[in-house]
Every structure is written in C-alpha cells, then in structure tokens.
C-alpha atoms as a PDB file:
ATOM      1  CA  MET A   1     131.547-134.897  -4.985  1.00  0.00           C
ATOM      2  CA  VAL A   2     135.956-134.258  -5.730  1.00  0.00           C
ATOM      3  CA  GLY A   3     137.059-136.299  -9.064  1.00  0.00           C
ATOM      4  CA  PHE A   4     139.889-137.615  -9.710  1.00  0.00           C
ATOM      5  CA  GLY A   5     141.500-139.175 -13.285  1.00  0.00           C
ATOM      6  CA  PRO A   6     144.627-137.960 -14.509  1.00  0.00           C
ATOM      7  CA  LYS A   7     147.369-139.142 -13.499  1.00  0.00           C
ATOM      8  CA  GLN A   8     145.751-142.228 -11.455  1.00  0.00           C
ATOM      9  CA  ALA A   9     144.778-145.932 -10.761  1.00  0.00           C
ATOM     10  CA  TRP A  10     141.055-146.998  -9.945  1.00  0.00           C
ATOM     11  CA  LEU A  11     138.689-150.295  -9.633  1.00  0.00           C
ATOM     12  CA  ALA A  12     135.299-149.938 -10.126  1.00  0.00           C
ATOM     13  CA  ILE A  13     133.468-152.793  -7.985  1.00  0.00           C
ATOM     14  CA  ARG A  14     130.352-153.214  -9.093  1.00  0.00           C
ATOM     15  CA  GLU A  15     128.119-153.722  -6.216  1.00  0.00           C
ATOM     16  CA  GLY A  16     130.906-153.795  -3.964  1.00  0.00           C
ATOM     17  CA  ASP A  17     130.499-153.823  -0.240  1.00  0.00           C
ATOM     18  CA  ALA A  18     133.335-151.223   1.793  1.00  0.00           C
ATOM     19  CA  THR A  19     133.635-153.465   3.942  1.00  0.00           C
ATOM     20  CA  LYS A  20     134.100-156.520   2.331  1.00  0.00           C
ATOM     21  CA  VAL A  21     136.928-154.541  -0.155  1.00  0.00           C
ATOM     22  CA  LEU A  22     139.073-153.373   3.282  1.00  0.00           C
ATOM     23  CA  ASP A  23     139.717-157.245   4.164  1.00  0.00           C
ATOM     24  CA  ALA A  24     140.249-158.333   0.410  1.00  0.00           C
ATOM     25  CA  LEU A  25     143.149-155.485  -0.118  1.00  0.00           C
ATOM     26  CA  ALA A  26     144.379-155.933   3.371  1.00  0.00           C
ATOM     27  CA  LEU A  27     143.674-152.263   3.941  1.00  0.00           C
ATOM     28  CA  ARG A  28     142.376-150.810   7.140  1.00  0.00           C
ATOM     29  CA  ASP A  29     139.862-148.386   7.204  1.00  0.00           C
ATOM     30  CA  LEU A  30     140.291-144.246   8.305  1.00  0.00           C
ATOM     31  CA  GLY A  31     136.869-143.330   8.221  1.00  0.00           C
ATOM     32  CA  THR A  32     134.767-141.248   6.437  1.00  0.00           C
ATOM     33  CA  VAL A  33     136.193-138.252   5.142  1.00  0.00           C
ATOM     34  CA  SER A  34     135.167-135.098   2.849  1.00  0.00           C
ATOM     35  CA  TRP A  35     135.454-135.952  -1.077  1.00  0.00           C
ATOM     36  CA  ARG A  36     138.154-133.191  -1.097  1.00  0.00           C
ATOM     37  CA  ASP A  37     140.519-134.869   1.841  1.00  0.00           C
ATOM     38  CA  ALA A  38     140.039-138.751  -0.179  1.00  0.00           C
ATOM     39  CA  VAL A  39     141.622-137.143  -3.513  1.00  0.00           C
ATOM     40  CA  ASP A  40     144.344-135.091  -1.400  1.00  0.00           C
ATOM     41  CA  VAL A  41     144.982-138.307   0.138  1.00  0.00           C
ATOM     42  CA  ALA A  42     145.103-140.772  -3.160  1.00  0.00           C
ATOM     43  CA  TYR A  43     147.081-137.869  -4.926  1.00  0.00           C
ATOM     44  CA  LEU A  44     149.202-136.679  -1.896  1.00  0.00           C
ATOM     45  CA  THR A  45     150.424-140.054  -0.557  1.00  0.00           C
ATOM     46  CA  ASP A  46     151.058-143.694  -2.292  1.00  0.00           C
ATOM     47  CA  ASP A  47     150.243-145.730   1.018  1.00  0.00           C
ATOM     48  CA  ARG A  48     146.443-143.656   1.354  1.00  0.00           C
ATOM     49  CA  LEU A  49     143.690-144.639  -0.945  1.00  0.00           C
ATOM     50  CA  LEU A  50     140.219-143.281  -0.681  1.00  0.00           C
ATOM     51  CA  ILE A  51     137.172-145.693  -1.526  1.00  0.00           C
ATOM     52  CA  THR A  52     134.028-143.818  -2.783  1.00  0.00           C
ATOM     53  CA  PRO A  53     130.555-145.164  -1.918  1.00  0.00           C
ATOM     54  CA  LEU A  54     128.022-146.717  -4.567  1.00  0.00           C
ATOM     55  CA  LEU A  55     127.898-144.435  -7.164  1.00  0.00           C
ATOM     56  CA  ALA A  56     125.150-144.989 -10.336  1.00  0.00           C
ATOM     57  CA  GLY A  57     127.384-146.123 -13.101  1.00  0.00           C
ATOM     58  CA  ALA A  58     127.234-147.955 -16.426  1.00  0.00           C
ATOM     59  CA  GLY A  59     124.516-150.699 -16.515  1.00  0.00           C
ATOM     60  CA  GLY A  60     122.523-149.541 -14.452  1.00  0.00           C
ATOM     61  CA  ALA A  61     124.798-150.600 -11.651  1.00  0.00           C
ATOM     62  CA  ARG A  62     126.346-149.202  -8.297  1.00  0.00           C
ATOM     63  CA  TRP A  63     130.013-148.829  -8.523  1.00  0.00           C
ATOM     64  CA  LEU A  64     132.562-148.422  -5.782  1.00  0.00           C
ATOM     65  CA  LEU A  65     135.484-146.923  -6.693  1.00  0.00           C
ATOM     66  CA  VAL A  66     138.996-147.127  -4.656  1.00  0.00           C
ATOM     67  CA  ALA A  67     142.014-145.321  -6.328  1.00  0.00           C
ATOM     68  CA  GLY A  68     144.944-143.723  -4.813  1.00  0.00           C
ATOM     69  CA  ARG A  69     148.770-143.311  -5.966  1.00  0.00           C
ATOM     70  CA  TRP A  70     149.690-146.976  -3.748  1.00  0.00           C
ATOM     71  CA  LEU A  71     148.129-148.585  -6.754  1.00  0.00           C
ATOM     72  CA  LEU A  72     150.638-147.264  -9.156  1.00  0.00           C
ATOM     73  CA  ARG A  73     153.487-148.564  -7.119  1.00  0.00           C
ATOM     74  CA  PRO A  74     155.855-151.525  -9.737  1.00  0.00           C
ATOM     75  CA  GLN A  75     155.948-153.467  -6.557  1.00  0.00           C
ATOM     76  CA  VAL A  76     151.618-153.443  -6.275  1.00  0.00           C
ATOM     77  CA  VAL A  77     149.825-156.079  -8.096  1.00  0.00           C
ATOM     78  CA  VAL A  78     146.329-156.227  -7.276  1.00  0.00           C
ATOM     79  CA  ASP A  79     144.734-158.846  -8.952  1.00  0.00           C
ATOM     80  CA  VAL A  80     141.398-159.146 -10.955  1.00  0.00           C
ATOM     81  CA  VAL A  81     141.084-162.124 -11.253  1.00  0.00           C
ATOM     82  CA  GLU A  82     141.493-162.698  -7.282  1.00  0.00           C
ATOM     83  CA  LEU A  83     139.933-160.188  -6.589  1.00  0.00           C
ATOM     84  CA  SER A  84     136.212-160.652  -8.341  1.00  0.00           C
ATOM     85  CA  TRP A  85     136.058-164.414  -7.020  1.00  0.00           C
ATOM     86  CA  MET A  86     136.630-163.321  -3.828  1.00  0.00           C
ATOM     87  CA  LEU A  87     133.343-160.388  -3.942  1.00  0.00           C
ATOM     88  CA  GLY A  88     131.963-162.477  -6.102  1.00  0.00           C
ATOM     89  CA  THR A  89     130.954-159.407  -8.837  1.00  0.00           C
ATOM     90  CA  GLU A  90     133.039-157.559 -11.751  1.00  0.00           C
ATOM     91  CA  VAL A  91     135.454-155.958 -11.344  1.00  0.00           C
ATOM     92  CA  GLN A  92     137.970-153.152 -13.652  1.00  0.00           C
ATOM     93  CA  PHE A  93     141.298-151.377 -12.829  1.00  0.00           C
ATOM     94  CA  PHE A  94     142.167-148.360 -14.569  1.00  0.00           C
ATOM     95  CA  SER A  95     145.702-146.434 -14.598  1.00  0.00           C
ATOM     96  CA  THR A  96     146.624-143.707 -16.994  1.00  0.00           C
ATOM     97  CA  TYR A  97     150.073-141.544 -16.208  1.00  0.00           C
ATOM     98  CA  ARG A  98     150.525-138.753 -18.656  1.00  0.00           C
ATOM     99  CA  VAL A  99     154.527-138.567 -17.867  1.00  0.00           C
ATOM    100  CA  GLY A 100     155.366-142.009 -20.670  1.00  0.00           C
ATOM    101  CA  GLU A 101     151.863-142.539 -21.917  1.00  0.00           C
ATOM    102  CA  VAL A 102     151.704-145.242 -19.859  1.00  0.00           C
ATOM    103  CA  HIS A 103     147.868-146.523 -19.640  1.00  0.00           C
ATOM    104  CA  ARG A 104     146.179-149.442 -18.586  1.00  0.00           C
ATOM    105  CA  TRP A 105     142.487-151.310 -18.074  1.00  0.00           C
ATOM    106  CA  GLU A 106     141.779-154.633 -17.309  1.00  0.00           C
ATOM    107  CA  ARG A 107     138.454-156.269 -15.976  1.00  0.00           C
ATOM    108  CA  ALA A 108     137.943-159.349 -14.659  1.00  0.00           C
ATOM    109  CA  VAL A 109     133.966-160.845 -13.909  1.00  0.00           C
ATOM    110  CA  ASP A 110     132.805-163.559 -12.132  1.00  0.00           C
ATOM    111  CA  GLY A 111     136.607-164.413 -11.384  1.00  0.00           C
ATOM    112  CA  GLU A 112     137.491-164.798 -15.105  1.00  0.00           C
ATOM    113  CA  LEU A 113     139.356-162.572 -16.947  1.00  0.00           C
ATOM    114  CA  VAL A 114     137.535-160.840 -19.527  1.00  0.00           C
ATOM    115  CA  ARG A 115     140.051-158.532 -20.370  1.00  0.00           C
ATOM    116  CA  ALA A 116     143.309-156.620 -20.800  1.00  0.00           C
ATOM    117  CA  PHE A 117     145.339-153.896 -22.201  1.00  0.00           C
ATOM    118  CA  ALA A 118     148.645-152.104 -21.684  1.00  0.00           C
ATOM    119  CA  TYR A 119     150.291-149.190 -23.526  1.00  0.00           C
ATOM    120  CA  VAL A 120     153.055-147.066 -23.419  1.00  0.00           C
ATOM    121  CA  GLY A 121     152.807-144.362 -25.887  1.00  0.00           C
ATOM    122  CA  GLU A 122     156.533-143.116 -25.075  1.00  0.00           C
ATOM    123  CA  THR A 123     157.537-145.903 -27.317  1.00  0.00           C
ATOM    124  CA  GLY A 124     154.721-147.419 -28.851  1.00  0.00           C
ATOM    125  CA  GLU A 125     154.648-150.475 -27.413  1.00  0.00           C
ATOM    126  CA  VAL A 126     151.350-152.479 -26.166  1.00  0.00           C
ATOM    127  CA  GLU A 127     152.223-154.788 -23.771  1.00  0.00           C
ATOM    128  CA  ARG A 128     149.648-156.215 -22.825  1.00  0.00           C
ATOM    129  CA  TRP A 129     146.729-158.077 -25.541  1.00  0.00           C
ATOM    130  CA  ILE A 130     144.233-160.360 -23.538  1.00  0.00           C
ATOM    131  CA  GLY A 131     140.863-161.571 -24.978  1.00  0.00           C
ATOM    132  CA  GLU A 132     139.366-158.470 -27.370  1.00  0.00           C
ATOM    133  CA  PRO A 133     138.177-155.426 -27.666  1.00  0.00           C
ATOM    134  CA  ASP A 134     134.346-155.354 -26.769  1.00  0.00           C
ATOM    135  CA  ALA A 135     132.362-151.784 -28.621  1.00  0.00           C
ATOM    136  CA  ALA A 136     133.944-148.649 -26.406  1.00  0.00           C
ATOM    137  CA  GLU A 137     136.939-149.974 -26.706  1.00  0.00           C
ATOM    138  CA  ARG A 138     136.495-150.298 -30.617  1.00  0.00           C
ATOM    139  CA  ALA A 139     135.233-146.972 -29.505  1.00  0.00           C
ATOM    140  CA  LEU A 140     138.478-145.226 -28.521  1.00  0.00           C
ATOM    141  CA  GLY A 141     139.795-146.476 -32.216  1.00  0.00           C
ATOM    142  CA  LEU A 142     141.064-149.830 -31.146  1.00  0.00           C
ATOM    143  CA  PRO A 143     141.455-152.257 -34.048  1.00  0.00           C
ATOM    144  CA  ALA A 144     139.308-155.793 -33.361  1.00  0.00           C
ATOM    145  CA  ALA A 145     142.965-157.840 -32.984  1.00  0.00           C
ATOM    146  CA  PHE A 146     146.089-157.003 -31.910  1.00  0.00           C
ATOM    147  CA  ASP A 147     148.585-157.498 -35.253  1.00  0.00           C
ATOM    148  CA  GLY A 148     151.372-158.705 -32.871  1.00  0.00           C
ATOM    149  CA  ALA A 149     149.932-161.065 -31.415  1.00  0.00           C
ATOM    150  CA  ALA A 150     150.290-163.171 -34.195  1.00  0.00           C
ATOM    151  CA  ASP A 151     154.291-162.119 -34.090  1.00  0.00           C
ATOM    152  CA  GLY A 152     155.070-164.167 -30.903  1.00  0.00           C
ATOM    153  CA  THR A 153     152.793-163.283 -28.301  1.00  0.00           C
ATOM    154  CA  ASP A 154     153.043-165.998 -25.395  1.00  0.00           C
ATOM    155  CA  GLU A 155     150.362-167.229 -23.467  1.00  0.00           C
ATOM    156  CA  ALA A 156     149.704-164.528 -20.703  1.00  0.00           C
ATOM    157  CA  GLY A 157     149.401-161.754 -24.391  1.00  0.00           C
ATOM    158  CA  GLU A 158     152.340-160.581 -23.523  1.00  0.00           C
ATOM    159  CA  THR A 159     154.022-158.603 -25.853  1.00  0.00           C
ATOM    160  CA  GLY A 160     156.953-155.934 -27.358  1.00  0.00           C
ATOM    161  CA  GLU A 161     155.708-155.249 -30.349  1.00  0.00           C
ATOM    162  CA  THR A 162     154.822-151.543 -32.116  1.00  0.00           C
ATOM    163  CA  SER A 163     151.780-150.907 -33.560  1.00  0.00           C
ATOM    164  CA  GLU A 164     149.247-148.743 -34.632  1.00  0.00           C
ATOM    165  CA  VAL A 165     147.364-148.214 -30.916  1.00  0.00           C
ATOM    166  CA  LEU A 166     146.992-144.399 -29.746  1.00  0.00           C
ATOM    167  CA  VAL A 167     146.091-144.396 -26.544  1.00  0.00           C
ATOM    168  CA  SER A 168     144.857-141.171 -24.489  1.00  0.00           C
ATOM    169  CA  GLU A 169     145.020-140.495 -20.882  1.00  0.00           C
ATOM    170  CA  HIS A 170     140.971-139.152 -22.110  1.00  0.00           C
ATOM    171  CA  ASP A 171     140.943-142.614 -23.281  1.00  0.00           C
ATOM    172  CA  VAL A 172     141.165-144.547 -20.004  1.00  0.00           C
ATOM    173  CA  LEU A 173     138.593-142.160 -18.864  1.00  0.00           C
ATOM    174  CA  ARG A 174     136.246-142.410 -21.967  1.00  0.00           C
ATOM    175  CA  LEU A 175     136.083-146.205 -21.546  1.00  0.00           C
ATOM    176  CA  ALA A 176     135.634-145.808 -17.345  1.00  0.00           C
ATOM    177  CA  GLY A 177     132.820-143.678 -18.438  1.00  0.00           C
ATOM    178  CA  ALA A 178     131.594-147.401 -20.650  1.00  0.00           C
ATOM    179  CA  TRP A 179     132.305-149.522 -18.127  1.00  0.00           C
ATOM    180  CA  SER A 180     131.279-147.986 -14.406  1.00  0.00           C
ATOM    181  CA  VAL A 181     132.350-144.620 -14.265  1.00  0.00           C
ATOM    182  CA  ASN A 182     134.022-141.977 -14.704  1.00  0.00           C
ATOM    183  CA  PRO A 183     135.752-140.298 -12.090  1.00  0.00           C
ATOM    184  CA  GLU A 184     136.562-136.665 -13.317  1.00  0.00           C
ATOM    185  CA  GLU A 185     132.922-136.511 -14.255  1.00  0.00           C
ATOM    186  CA  LEU A 186     132.164-136.277  -9.879  1.00  0.00           C
ATOM    187  CA  ASP A 187     133.672-133.290 -10.093  1.00  0.00           C
ATOM    188  CA  GLY A 188     131.376-130.778  -8.892  1.00  0.00           C
ATOM    189  CA  ARG A 189     128.008-133.877  -8.373  1.00  0.00           C
ATOM    190  CA  PRO A 190     125.800-133.527  -5.255  1.00  0.00           C
ATOM    191  CA  ALA A 191     126.711-135.926  -2.736  1.00  0.00           C
ATOM    192  CA  GLY A 192     123.604-136.632  -0.837  1.00  0.00           C
ATOM    193  CA  PRO A 193     123.364-138.228   3.088  1.00  0.00           C
ATOM    194  CA  GLY A 194     125.836-141.435   3.612  1.00  0.00           C
ATOM    195  CA  GLU A 195     127.457-140.389   0.233  1.00  0.00           C
ATOM    196  CA  GLN A 196     130.630-139.585   2.253  1.00  0.00           C
ATOM    197  CA  PRO A 197     133.922-141.628   0.797  1.00  0.00           C
ATOM    198  CA  ARG A 198     136.507-142.912   3.018  1.00  0.00           C
ATOM    199  CA  ALA A 199     139.950-142.948   3.246  1.00  0.00           C
ATOM    200  CA  ALA A 200     141.992-146.693   4.020  1.00  0.00           C
ATOM    201  CA  ALA A 201     145.982-146.953   4.426  1.00  0.00           C
ATOM    202  CA  ALA A 202     147.562-149.776   2.787  1.00  0.00           C
ATOM    203  CA  GLN A 203     149.450-152.285   5.780  1.00  0.00           C
END
C-alpha cells in the first residue's frame, strides 16, 4: 500500500460500501488501479479521488477512505451529517494543509454531528468548534472547552476568536488514527487479494 495524508483531505466511512459511497457522492467509478496510481490521482488532479478497500482501524471496525484534492476545493462541500444519514454509519472528514496551517476535522454518526473543528494556524484562529473534544483530541493538547465559544460564537459554532489552540498536520494524522485510520501509516503495508484501491471522478 501507499500512504497519504499531508496536504490532503479525506473521508473515513465506517464499514463503507464503495458502490453506495460513489452514489452518495455522485462520483463516477474509474475502476481498480494500483496504490501508487491511486495516490498520484488524489494528489495531482483536482477532480479525481482514490477509494481504498476496507481497512482495519480504530474501534475494531473497518474503514473505507475517500481522498483527493477535490475535497479541498472551496466550492466542494461534503456534508458529513447528510452523508452519515444516507449511509447509516459514522462518517469522518479530515483535511490538512501545511501552507497556512489550515486543519479541519468533523465527525457524524447516524446523521448526527458529534464534533467539528477548524483551525488556521497562520492567524491563530479557531474557525469552528462544535461539540466537546474527546480524549484523543485532548491528548493533542486541545482544551476541554474553547473560550472563544463564550465570546459571540453563533449557533453554527462559527468563531474568529484568537485562542491558545495549536494544531499541526501531524495532529490531524494522529487523530485520524485514533478515530479511524491514519492514512500515512498505510505506506508499505502489505496489500492482500482484493485490497486494491479504486479511482473515481467528480461529475
């Protein structure tokens, strides 16, 4: 397998079915490809994505990952709550971009938003804080509560307050490993029969 993660965005879907995920995201299946080709597609295009086979991960579950720079495009908004409801499972979103230190994660279970966080290190702003950080987030150094939430945060959890929160690309990958799968750690992992990724195209 070939790992990925830095300067990338991806979805993690518990026990995800590739066909249902393709339909839910309105993606066109381009078929099975090699791991190297799949990762290249995810990094070198802005309208192609890789879809992993189910991977063993956190909670004893298997996780399907969907990755690509398409998910980083400002005009592309994947609603993890809606996707979670449509697929009837847990859906997570991660993105990390070290230029500007822009890092995000979201988590929805059965159509309910559990957690959403967005941070811009260049300005030191927490742009989104919904829900309470769990033990894995606290281990990264996040506080139990965000002080900015008491200073004018709207109902959607949007805020521009400067905080003492510090988050790096490495933290996003560590959290992904705690919640589902750290895709960087796939590098060099043996790929058994049927463990080849697929490529998909945005329509």
